[in-house]
Amino acid sequence: MSKSNSNARKDALLGEPHGTATNRLRKMLLFKLVQIGGFDVCYRCRETIKSINDFSIEHMESWQSAQDPRAAFFDLEKIVFSHLRCNVAAAEPVRKKYFTPEALRKARTQQSLASKKLHYSPEKRHQAYVDGRW
């Protein structure tokens, strides 16, 4: 059985792409551990994060504007948890100065995707996949 057939079988068994299901499982596991550890308080608003759909990982400081973005991205000492809506609201605005049209387009795309996550649940994504709209 080839790898592609194996992945197709996994996708069929799960009713969604295997990679999507794996990432959702990781997020569920992380959220459960965060709750058990008592770290389920939003870094921004200090309210309890009650739902996995509201749960997001956030950097205390913007890693994109850091001197070493890769190191800043993986710096676990500066990782916190927040409500997705609080995280998106705190994002740097697209109106800041960009040096190239490509950089501006990329920033707008990132903000658009973050905004869509607020209104697009895993259930809606799965339904779109089942309906053939994915």
N, C-alpha and C. Protein backbone atom coordinates (compact mmCIF):
# COMPACT_ATOMS: atom_id res chain seq x y z
N MET A 1 0.86 -1.17 0.00
CA MET A 1 0.00 0.00 0.00
C MET A 1 0.90 1.24 0.00
N SER A 2 0.70 2.12 -0.96
CA SER A 2 1.53 3.32 -1.02
C SER A 2 1.14 4.31 0.07
N LYS A 3 2.04 5.25 0.28
CA LYS A 3 1.79 6.24 1.32
C LYS A 3 0.54 7.06 1.02
N SER A 4 0.34 7.42 -0.25
CA SER A 4 -0.83 8.21 -0.60
C SER A 4 -2.12 7.43 -0.36
N ASN A 5 -2.10 6.12 -0.63
CA ASN A 5 -3.27 5.29 -0.35
C ASN A 5 -3.52 5.21 1.15
N SER A 6 -2.43 5.12 1.91
CA SER A 6 -2.54 5.07 3.36
C SER A 6 -3.16 6.36 3.90
N ASN A 7 -2.68 7.51 3.38
CA ASN A 7 -3.24 8.79 3.81
C ASN A 7 -4.69 8.94 3.38
N ALA A 8 -5.01 8.48 2.19
CA ALA A 8 -6.40 8.55 1.72
C ALA A 8 -7.30 7.70 2.61
N ARG A 9 -6.80 6.53 3.03
CA ARG A 9 -7.58 5.66 3.93
C ARG A 9 -7.80 6.35 5.27
N LYS A 10 -6.73 6.97 5.82
CA LYS A 10 -6.86 7.69 7.09
C LYS A 10 -7.86 8.83 6.97
N ASP A 11 -7.77 9.58 5.87
CA ASP A 11 -8.71 10.68 5.63
C ASP A 11 -10.15 10.17 5.62
N ALA A 12 -10.35 9.05 4.92
CA ALA A 12 -11.70 8.48 4.82
C ALA A 12 -12.20 8.00 6.18
N LEU A 13 -11.33 7.35 6.95
CA LEU A 13 -11.73 6.86 8.27
C LEU A 13 -12.09 8.00 9.22
N LEU A 14 -11.34 9.10 9.11
CA LEU A 14 -11.56 10.23 10.02
C LEU A 14 -12.63 11.19 9.52
N GLY A 15 -12.95 11.13 8.23
CA GLY A 15 -13.94 12.04 7.68
C GLY A 15 -13.37 13.44 7.45
N GLU A 16 -12.07 13.55 7.51
CA GLU A 16 -11.38 14.82 7.27
C GLU A 16 -9.91 14.49 7.01
N PRO A 17 -9.15 15.44 6.49
CA PRO A 17 -7.73 15.15 6.26
C PRO A 17 -7.02 14.74 7.56
N HIS A 18 -6.16 13.73 7.46
CA HIS A 18 -5.45 13.20 8.62
C HIS A 18 -4.64 14.31 9.30
N GLY A 19 -3.99 15.17 8.54
CA GLY A 19 -3.21 16.28 9.12
C GLY A 19 -4.07 17.23 9.92
N THR A 20 -5.26 17.53 9.41
CA THR A 20 -6.20 18.40 10.12
C THR A 20 -6.63 17.76 11.44
N ALA A 21 -6.95 16.47 11.39
CA ALA A 21 -7.37 15.76 12.60
C ALA A 21 -6.23 15.70 13.62
N THR A 22 -5.02 15.47 13.14
CA THR A 22 -3.86 15.40 14.03
C THR A 22 -3.63 16.74 14.72
N ASN A 23 -3.72 17.82 13.97
CA ASN A 23 -3.53 19.15 14.57
C ASN A 23 -4.63 19.46 15.57
N ARG A 24 -5.87 19.05 15.26
CA ARG A 24 -6.97 19.28 16.21
C ARG A 24 -6.74 18.49 17.49
N LEU A 25 -6.27 17.24 17.36
CA LEU A 25 -5.97 16.42 18.53
C LEU A 25 -4.88 17.06 19.39
N ARG A 26 -3.84 17.57 18.74
CA ARG A 26 -2.77 18.25 19.49
C ARG A 26 -3.31 19.46 20.25
N LYS A 27 -4.18 20.24 19.61
CA LYS A 27 -4.74 21.41 20.27
C LYS A 27 -5.62 20.99 21.45
N MET A 28 -6.41 19.92 21.27
CA MET A 28 -7.25 19.42 22.36
C MET A 28 -6.40 18.97 23.54
N LEU A 29 -5.34 18.25 23.24
CA LEU A 29 -4.44 17.76 24.29
C LEU A 29 -3.78 18.94 25.01
N LEU A 30 -3.28 19.90 24.26
CA LEU A 30 -2.64 21.07 24.87
C LEU A 30 -3.63 21.84 25.75
N PHE A 31 -4.85 22.05 25.24
CA PHE A 31 -5.85 22.78 26.02
C PHE A 31 -6.17 22.05 27.32
N LYS A 32 -6.30 20.72 27.26
CA LYS A 32 -6.57 19.92 28.47
C LYS A 32 -5.45 20.08 29.49
N LEU A 33 -4.19 20.01 29.01
CA LEU A 33 -3.05 20.17 29.91
C LEU A 33 -2.98 21.58 30.49
N VAL A 34 -3.32 22.57 29.70
CA VAL A 34 -3.35 23.96 30.17
C VAL A 34 -4.40 24.11 31.27
N GLN A 35 -5.57 23.48 31.08
CA GLN A 35 -6.61 23.53 32.10
C GLN A 35 -6.15 22.83 33.38
N ILE A 36 -5.58 21.64 33.25
CA ILE A 36 -5.11 20.89 34.42
C ILE A 36 -4.07 21.69 35.18
N GLY A 37 -3.18 22.34 34.44
CA GLY A 37 -2.11 23.12 35.07
C GLY A 37 -2.55 24.48 35.61
N GLY A 38 -3.80 24.87 35.33
CA GLY A 38 -4.30 26.15 35.81
C GLY A 38 -3.77 27.35 35.01
N PHE A 39 -3.34 27.10 33.79
CA PHE A 39 -2.83 28.17 32.95
C PHE A 39 -3.88 28.66 31.94
N ASP A 40 -5.14 28.35 32.18
CA ASP A 40 -6.21 28.69 31.25
C ASP A 40 -6.81 30.07 31.50
N VAL A 41 -5.95 31.02 31.83
CA VAL A 41 -6.37 32.41 32.05
C VAL A 41 -5.78 33.24 30.92
N CYS A 42 -6.62 34.03 30.28
CA CYS A 42 -6.21 34.84 29.14
C CYS A 42 -5.17 35.88 29.55
N TYR A 43 -4.09 35.91 28.83
CA TYR A 43 -3.01 36.87 29.07
C TYR A 43 -3.49 38.31 28.92
N ARG A 44 -4.46 38.54 28.04
CA ARG A 44 -4.93 39.90 27.75
C ARG A 44 -6.00 40.37 28.73
N CYS A 45 -7.08 39.61 28.86
CA CYS A 45 -8.22 40.09 29.65
C CYS A 45 -8.31 39.47 31.04
N ARG A 46 -7.46 38.49 31.33
CA ARG A 46 -7.39 37.81 32.63
C ARG A 46 -8.64 36.99 32.97
N GLU A 47 -9.48 36.73 31.98
CA GLU A 47 -10.66 35.87 32.17
C GLU A 47 -10.27 34.42 31.87
N THR A 48 -11.02 33.47 32.42
CA THR A 48 -10.77 32.06 32.15
C THR A 48 -11.14 31.73 30.71
N ILE A 49 -10.29 30.96 30.05
CA ILE A 49 -10.57 30.48 28.70
C ILE A 49 -11.37 29.20 28.87
N LYS A 50 -12.65 29.24 28.53
CA LYS A 50 -13.56 28.14 28.83
C LYS A 50 -13.74 27.14 27.70
N SER A 51 -13.42 27.54 26.49
CA SER A 51 -13.67 26.68 25.34
C SER A 51 -12.42 26.55 24.47
N ILE A 52 -12.24 25.38 23.94
CA ILE A 52 -11.10 25.17 23.04
C ILE A 52 -11.22 26.06 21.80
N ASN A 53 -12.44 26.41 21.41
CA ASN A 53 -12.63 27.28 20.26
C ASN A 53 -12.17 28.71 20.55
N ASP A 54 -12.05 29.07 21.81
CA ASP A 54 -11.58 30.40 22.21
C ASP A 54 -10.09 30.40 22.53
N PHE A 55 -9.46 29.26 22.53
CA PHE A 55 -8.08 29.07 23.00
C PHE A 55 -7.07 29.39 21.91
N SER A 56 -6.07 30.21 22.25
CA SER A 56 -4.98 30.47 21.31
C SER A 56 -3.66 30.60 22.05
N ILE A 57 -2.60 30.33 21.32
CA ILE A 57 -1.24 30.50 21.82
C ILE A 57 -0.77 31.86 21.34
N GLU A 58 -0.14 32.60 22.23
CA GLU A 58 0.26 33.97 21.89
C GLU A 58 1.69 34.22 22.34
N HIS A 59 2.35 35.10 21.63
CA HIS A 59 3.68 35.57 22.02
C HIS A 59 3.51 36.87 22.80
N MET A 60 4.16 37.00 23.94
CA MET A 60 4.07 38.23 24.74
C MET A 60 4.58 39.44 23.94
N GLU A 61 5.59 39.22 23.15
CA GLU A 61 6.17 40.27 22.32
C GLU A 61 6.15 39.81 20.88
N SER A 62 5.99 40.73 19.96
CA SER A 62 5.94 40.38 18.55
C SER A 62 7.24 39.73 18.11
N TRP A 63 7.15 38.50 17.67
CA TRP A 63 8.34 37.80 17.19
C TRP A 63 8.74 38.29 15.80
N GLN A 64 7.75 38.81 15.05
CA GLN A 64 8.01 39.25 13.68
C GLN A 64 8.92 40.47 13.61
N SER A 65 8.87 41.30 14.64
CA SER A 65 9.71 42.50 14.63
C SER A 65 10.95 42.33 15.50
N ALA A 66 11.20 41.11 15.98
CA ALA A 66 12.38 40.85 16.81
C ALA A 66 13.65 40.86 15.96
N GLN A 67 14.76 41.08 16.60
CA GLN A 67 16.04 41.07 15.90
C GLN A 67 16.32 39.69 15.30
N ASP A 68 15.96 38.64 16.04
CA ASP A 68 16.09 37.27 15.54
C ASP A 68 14.69 36.63 15.60
N PRO A 69 13.88 36.80 14.53
CA PRO A 69 12.50 36.31 14.55
C PRO A 69 12.36 34.82 14.85
N ARG A 70 13.25 34.00 14.32
CA ARG A 70 13.16 32.55 14.55
C ARG A 70 13.35 32.23 16.03
N ALA A 71 14.37 32.81 16.64
CA ALA A 71 14.62 32.57 18.07
C ALA A 71 13.45 33.09 18.91
N ALA A 72 12.93 34.26 18.55
CA ALA A 72 11.81 34.84 19.29
C ALA A 72 10.55 33.98 19.15
N PHE A 73 10.34 33.41 17.98
CA PHE A 73 9.15 32.57 17.76
C PHE A 73 9.16 31.35 18.67
N PHE A 74 10.33 30.73 18.86
CA PHE A 74 10.42 29.51 19.65
C PHE A 74 10.82 29.74 21.11
N ASP A 75 10.84 30.98 21.57
CA ASP A 75 11.20 31.29 22.96
C ASP A 75 10.02 30.95 23.88
N LEU A 76 10.07 29.79 24.52
CA LEU A 76 8.96 29.32 25.35
C LEU A 76 8.71 30.22 26.56
N GLU A 77 9.70 30.97 26.98
CA GLU A 77 9.53 31.88 28.12
C GLU A 77 8.59 33.03 27.80
N LYS A 78 8.36 33.27 26.52
CA LYS A 78 7.51 34.39 26.10
C LYS A 78 6.21 33.93 25.46
N ILE A 79 5.85 32.67 25.70
CA ILE A 79 4.60 32.12 25.18
C ILE A 79 3.55 32.14 26.29
N VAL A 80 2.37 32.62 25.93
CA VAL A 80 1.24 32.68 26.86
C VAL A 80 -0.01 32.19 26.13
N PHE A 81 -1.11 32.09 26.84
CA PHE A 81 -2.36 31.66 26.26
C PHE A 81 -3.37 32.79 26.37
N SER A 82 -4.26 32.84 25.41
CA SER A 82 -5.27 33.90 25.42
C SER A 82 -6.50 33.44 24.66
N HIS A 83 -7.57 34.22 24.82
CA HIS A 83 -8.74 34.01 23.98
C HIS A 83 -8.33 34.37 22.56
N LEU A 84 -8.85 33.66 21.60
CA LEU A 84 -8.53 33.96 20.21
C LEU A 84 -8.92 35.40 19.87
N ARG A 85 -10.07 35.85 20.34
CA ARG A 85 -10.52 37.21 20.04
C ARG A 85 -9.59 38.25 20.64
N CYS A 86 -9.06 37.99 21.83
CA CYS A 86 -8.13 38.93 22.47
C CYS A 86 -6.80 38.96 21.72
N ASN A 87 -6.36 37.81 21.27
CA ASN A 87 -5.11 37.70 20.52
C ASN A 87 -5.22 38.45 19.20
N VAL A 88 -6.32 38.24 18.47
CA VAL A 88 -6.51 38.90 17.18
C VAL A 88 -6.65 40.41 17.36
N ALA A 89 -7.37 40.82 18.39
CA ALA A 89 -7.55 42.26 18.63
C ALA A 89 -6.24 42.95 18.95
N ALA A 90 -5.29 42.23 19.53
CA ALA A 90 -4.01 42.82 19.92
C ALA A 90 -2.99 42.80 18.78
N ALA A 91 -3.35 42.18 17.66
CA ALA A 91 -2.40 42.07 16.54
C ALA A 91 -2.02 43.46 16.03
N GLU A 92 -0.81 43.53 15.52
CA GLU A 92 -0.34 44.80 14.95
C GLU A 92 -1.24 45.17 13.77
N PRO A 93 -1.65 46.43 13.70
CA PRO A 93 -2.52 46.83 12.59
C PRO A 93 -1.79 46.79 11.25
N VAL A 94 -2.55 46.53 10.20
CA VAL A 94 -1.99 46.47 8.85
C VAL A 94 -1.57 47.86 8.38
N ARG A 95 -2.07 48.90 9.01
CA ARG A 95 -1.80 50.26 8.55
C ARG A 95 -0.36 50.71 8.76
N LYS A 96 0.43 49.93 9.48
CA LYS A 96 1.81 50.33 9.69
C LYS A 96 2.56 50.34 8.36
N LYS A 97 3.68 50.99 8.33
CA LYS A 97 4.42 51.16 7.08
C LYS A 97 5.09 49.84 6.66
N TYR A 98 4.86 49.47 5.40
CA TYR A 98 5.50 48.30 4.82
C TYR A 98 6.39 48.78 3.68
N PHE A 99 7.50 48.13 3.52
CA PHE A 99 8.47 48.58 2.54
C PHE A 99 8.23 48.04 1.14
N THR A 100 7.44 46.96 1.03
CA THR A 100 7.15 46.42 -0.29
C THR A 100 5.67 46.07 -0.37
N PRO A 101 5.11 46.10 -1.55
CA PRO A 101 3.70 45.69 -1.71
C PRO A 101 3.49 44.24 -1.26
N GLU A 102 4.50 43.39 -1.46
CA GLU A 102 4.40 41.99 -1.04
C GLU A 102 4.26 41.87 0.48
N ALA A 103 5.02 42.69 1.22
CA ALA A 103 4.95 42.66 2.68
C ALA A 103 3.58 43.11 3.16
N LEU A 104 3.02 44.14 2.53
CA LEU A 104 1.69 44.62 2.89
C LEU A 104 0.64 43.55 2.59
N ARG A 105 0.74 42.91 1.42
CA ARG A 105 -0.21 41.85 1.04
C ARG A 105 -0.14 40.69 2.03
N LYS A 106 1.08 40.32 2.42
CA LYS A 106 1.25 39.22 3.37
C LYS A 106 0.63 39.57 4.72
N ALA A 107 0.83 40.79 5.20
CA ALA A 107 0.25 41.22 6.48
C ALA A 107 -1.27 41.22 6.42
N ARG A 108 -1.82 41.70 5.34
CA ARG A 108 -3.28 41.71 5.20
C ARG A 108 -3.84 40.29 5.15
N THR A 109 -3.14 39.40 4.48
CA THR A 109 -3.57 38.00 4.41
C THR A 109 -3.55 37.36 5.79
N GLN A 110 -2.49 37.61 6.56
CA GLN A 110 -2.39 37.04 7.91
C GLN A 110 -3.52 37.54 8.80
N GLN A 111 -3.83 38.84 8.72
CA GLN A 111 -4.91 39.37 9.55
C GLN A 111 -6.26 38.83 9.10
N SER A 112 -6.44 38.67 7.79
CA SER A 112 -7.69 38.12 7.28
C SER A 112 -7.88 36.69 7.76
N LEU A 113 -6.83 35.89 7.71
CA LEU A 113 -6.93 34.50 8.19
C LEU A 113 -7.23 34.45 9.68
N ALA A 114 -6.61 35.33 10.46
CA ALA A 114 -6.86 35.36 11.90
C ALA A 114 -8.30 35.74 12.18
N SER A 115 -8.81 36.69 11.41
CA SER A 115 -10.20 37.12 11.59
C SER A 115 -11.17 36.00 11.25
N LYS A 116 -10.87 35.26 10.18
CA LYS A 116 -11.74 34.15 9.77
C LYS A 116 -11.79 33.08 10.85
N LYS A 117 -10.68 32.87 11.56
CA LYS A 117 -10.65 31.85 12.61
C LYS A 117 -11.66 32.17 13.71
N LEU A 118 -11.96 33.44 13.90
CA LEU A 118 -12.94 33.82 14.92
C LEU A 118 -14.34 33.33 14.56
N HIS A 119 -14.61 33.23 13.26
CA HIS A 119 -15.96 32.93 12.81
C HIS A 119 -16.07 31.58 12.11
N TYR A 120 -14.98 30.80 12.11
CA TYR A 120 -14.97 29.55 11.37
C TYR A 120 -14.50 28.43 12.28
N SER A 121 -15.42 27.58 12.67
CA SER A 121 -15.11 26.52 13.63
C SER A 121 -14.67 25.24 12.92
N PRO A 122 -14.06 24.32 13.67
CA PRO A 122 -13.71 23.02 13.08
C PRO A 122 -14.94 22.28 12.53
N GLU A 123 -16.07 22.48 13.16
CA GLU A 123 -17.30 21.83 12.70
C GLU A 123 -17.70 22.37 11.33
N LYS A 124 -17.63 23.70 11.15
CA LYS A 124 -17.96 24.30 9.86
C LYS A 124 -16.96 23.85 8.79
N ARG A 125 -15.69 23.76 9.16
CA ARG A 125 -14.66 23.32 8.22
C ARG A 125 -14.94 21.88 7.79
N HIS A 126 -15.30 21.03 8.77
CA HIS A 126 -15.59 19.63 8.47
C HIS A 126 -16.81 19.54 7.55
N GLN A 127 -17.83 20.34 7.82
CA GLN A 127 -19.04 20.31 6.99
C GLN A 127 -18.72 20.75 5.57
N ALA A 128 -17.86 21.76 5.43
CA ALA A 128 -17.46 22.20 4.09
C ALA A 128 -16.71 21.08 3.37
N TYR A 129 -15.88 20.34 4.11
CA TYR A 129 -15.15 19.21 3.53
C TYR A 129 -16.12 18.12 3.07
N VAL A 130 -17.08 17.79 3.92
CA VAL A 130 -18.06 16.76 3.60
C VAL A 130 -18.90 17.18 2.40
N ASP A 131 -19.26 18.47 2.33
CA ASP A 131 -20.06 18.99 1.22
C ASP A 131 -19.28 19.16 -0.08
N GLY A 132 -17.97 18.93 -0.02
CA GLY A 132 -17.15 19.07 -1.21
C GLY A 132 -16.75 20.49 -1.53
N ARG A 133 -16.91 21.40 -0.57
CA ARG A 133 -16.53 22.80 -0.78
C ARG A 133 -15.12 23.05 -0.32
N TRP A 134 -14.42 22.05 0.15
CA TRP A 134 -13.07 22.22 0.71
C TRP A 134 -12.05 21.95 -0.34
